[in-house]
C-alpha cells in the first residue's frame, strides 16, 4: 500500500468518508497508488499543494476521492475510482506546471498519468483509461 509522503488522508477524502471509517489508513486502498505517487512527485518538484480543506473549516472536500453518490463532477469521474487528484499549487502556477509536464520536463510525473485538464485554476491529473490527443502521450481535456 502506497502512503503519500506529502498528503494526509483528510486532504484526499471527503469528510463523510473520513468520519465513517474513523480516518483508517485502510482508506488509502481506495486510491490508485500511482496517482498518489504522481501527487507526491508534483509536490516535490513544484512546491506546496493544497487539496481538501474541510478539516480547517474550508469548503473543499472532493479534490481526491469522491464517493459514488457525490454530485460534484462527472458521473464517472476518475475521482470516483481513486484515479484523479485536483491540487492547488501554492508556489507555481497551474498552467506553468501543465506546460512543464507537456514539454517533457517532468517525465517522472507524465509517465504516471494519462490526462491533464486544461484551462482551469488548479492542477487536475488522472490515470483514466484514455487515448492520447497530445504528442506528450497525454489526453488534454478542456472544460
Protein backbone atom coordinates (compact mmCIF):
# COMPACT_ATOMS: atom_id res chain seq x y z
CA UNK A 1 0.00 0.00 0.00
CA UNK A 2 1.41 3.35 -1.02
CA UNK A 3 1.03 6.12 1.54
CA UNK A 4 1.87 9.62 0.26
CA UNK A 5 4.76 11.49 1.82
CA UNK A 6 3.17 14.93 1.39
CA UNK A 7 -0.57 14.41 1.79
CA UNK A 8 -2.60 13.30 4.78
CA UNK A 9 -5.70 11.18 4.35
CA UNK A 10 -8.06 14.02 5.33
CA UNK A 11 -6.63 16.06 2.44
CA UNK A 12 -7.72 13.48 -0.13
CA UNK A 13 -11.02 12.02 1.10
CA UNK A 14 -14.36 13.72 1.85
CA UNK A 15 -15.23 14.41 5.46
CA UNK A 16 -18.11 11.90 5.44
CA UNK A 17 -15.86 9.08 4.26
CA UNK A 18 -13.09 10.03 6.66
CA UNK A 19 -15.55 10.08 9.58
CA UNK A 20 -17.30 6.85 8.55
CA UNK A 21 -14.01 4.96 8.69
CA UNK A 22 -12.54 6.91 11.63
CA UNK A 23 -9.68 8.09 9.45
CA UNK A 24 -8.44 4.50 9.00
CA UNK A 25 -5.28 4.19 6.95
CA UNK A 26 -7.07 1.41 5.05
CA UNK A 27 -8.76 4.20 3.07
CA UNK A 28 -5.51 4.51 1.10
CA UNK A 29 -6.59 1.23 -0.53
CA UNK A 30 -9.29 3.21 -2.38
CA UNK A 31 -6.64 5.02 -4.42
CA UNK A 32 -4.58 4.02 -7.40
CA UNK A 33 -1.10 4.11 -5.84
CA UNK A 34 0.38 5.68 -8.97
CA UNK A 35 -1.86 8.77 -8.78
CA UNK A 36 -0.75 9.19 -5.17
CA UNK A 37 2.87 8.90 -6.30
CA UNK A 38 2.22 11.47 -9.06
CA UNK A 39 0.86 13.84 -6.41
CA UNK A 40 3.97 13.37 -4.29
CA UNK A 41 6.25 13.95 -7.28
CA UNK A 42 4.34 17.11 -8.23
CA UNK A 43 4.74 18.33 -4.65
CA UNK A 44 8.49 17.60 -4.67
CA UNK A 45 9.03 19.34 -7.98
CA UNK A 46 6.66 22.32 -7.77
CA UNK A 47 6.30 23.00 -4.05
CA UNK A 48 3.39 23.07 -1.66
CA UNK A 49 -0.01 21.98 -2.96
CA UNK A 50 -3.41 22.27 -1.32
CA UNK A 51 -6.12 19.65 -1.67
CA UNK A 52 -9.13 19.27 0.64
CA UNK A 53 -9.59 22.00 3.23
CA UNK A 54 -12.63 20.74 5.17
CA UNK A 55 -10.59 19.83 8.26
CA UNK A 56 -9.73 23.51 8.77
CA UNK A 57 -13.25 24.78 8.08
CA UNK A 58 -12.71 25.17 4.34
CA UNK A 59 -15.24 24.25 1.68
CA UNK A 60 -13.19 21.78 -0.37
CA UNK A 61 -13.58 18.07 0.23
CA UNK A 62 -13.75 16.47 -3.20
CA UNK A 63 -10.25 17.09 -4.60
CA UNK A 64 -9.24 13.46 -4.21
CA UNK A 65 -11.59 10.53 -3.75
CA UNK A 66 -15.29 11.14 -4.40
CA UNK A 67 -17.99 8.76 -3.27
CA UNK A 68 -20.37 7.30 -5.84
CA UNK A 69 -23.24 9.50 -4.66
CA UNK A 70 -21.15 12.67 -4.94
CA UNK A 71 -22.79 15.20 -7.26
CA UNK A 72 -19.57 17.15 -7.88
CA UNK A 73 -18.01 16.49 -11.29
CA UNK A 74 -18.87 13.91 -13.91
CA UNK A 75 -20.94 10.82 -13.21
CA UNK A 76 -18.00 8.52 -14.00
CA UNK A 77 -15.28 10.88 -12.81
CA UNK A 78 -11.86 9.34 -12.31
CA UNK A 79 -12.07 10.75 -8.77
CA UNK A 80 -14.74 8.14 -8.01
CA UNK A 81 -12.29 5.39 -8.94
CA UNK A 82 -9.47 6.89 -6.85
CA UNK A 83 -7.52 7.74 -10.01
CA UNK A 84 -7.60 11.56 -10.00
CA UNK A 85 -6.32 14.47 -7.95
CA UNK A 86 -7.17 18.17 -8.05
CA UNK A 87 -4.30 20.07 -6.45
CA UNK A 88 -3.91 23.81 -5.97
CA UNK A 89 -0.23 24.74 -6.28
CA UNK A 90 0.94 27.48 -3.93
CA UNK A 91 4.46 28.09 -5.27
CA UNK A 92 3.90 27.67 -9.03
CA UNK A 93 1.10 28.49 -11.44
CA UNK A 94 -1.03 25.52 -12.58
CA UNK A 95 -0.51 26.46 -16.24
CA UNK A 96 3.26 26.58 -15.72
CA UNK A 97 3.14 23.06 -14.27
CA UNK A 98 0.96 21.73 -17.09
CA UNK A 99 3.28 23.19 -19.74
CA UNK A 100 6.33 21.81 -17.94
CA UNK A 101 4.79 18.32 -17.95
CA UNK A 102 3.69 18.63 -21.59
CA UNK A 103 7.09 19.73 -22.86
CA UNK A 104 8.70 16.69 -21.23
CA UNK A 105 10.47 18.42 -18.35
CA UNK A 106 8.78 16.22 -15.74
CA UNK A 107 8.82 12.71 -17.27
CA UNK A 108 8.59 11.11 -13.83
CA UNK A 109 5.11 12.63 -13.50
CA UNK A 110 4.00 12.28 -17.13
CA UNK A 111 4.65 8.54 -17.11
CA UNK A 112 2.30 8.08 -14.15
CA UNK A 113 -0.71 9.98 -15.53
CA UNK A 114 -2.85 9.78 -18.65
CA UNK A 115 -4.70 13.09 -18.52
CA UNK A 116 -4.32 16.75 -17.68
CA UNK A 117 -7.32 19.07 -17.55
CA UNK A 118 -6.52 22.39 -19.21
CA UNK A 119 -7.75 25.97 -18.71
CA UNK A 120 -8.62 25.60 -15.02
CA UNK A 121 -7.17 27.31 -11.96
CA UNK A 122 -5.92 24.09 -10.34
CA UNK A 123 -3.93 21.05 -11.41
CA UNK A 124 -6.12 18.08 -12.36
CA UNK A 125 -4.20 14.88 -13.08
CA UNK A 126 -5.71 11.45 -13.61
CA UNK A 127 -4.91 7.90 -14.62
CA UNK A 128 -8.06 7.04 -16.55
CA UNK A 129 -8.11 4.63 -19.48
CA UNK A 130 -7.65 7.38 -22.04
CA UNK A 131 -6.46 7.83 -25.60
CA UNK A 132 -3.77 10.46 -26.01
CA UNK A 133 -4.56 13.55 -28.09
CA UNK A 134 -1.23 15.28 -27.49
CA UNK A 135 2.30 14.42 -28.55
CA UNK A 136 3.24 14.03 -24.87
CA UNK A 137 1.19 10.84 -24.76
CA UNK A 138 -1.41 12.51 -22.51
CA UNK A 139 -5.01 13.34 -23.17
CA UNK A 140 -5.74 17.01 -22.70
CA UNK A 141 -9.28 17.77 -21.54
CA UNK A 142 -10.86 21.20 -21.76
CA UNK A 143 -13.82 22.28 -19.62
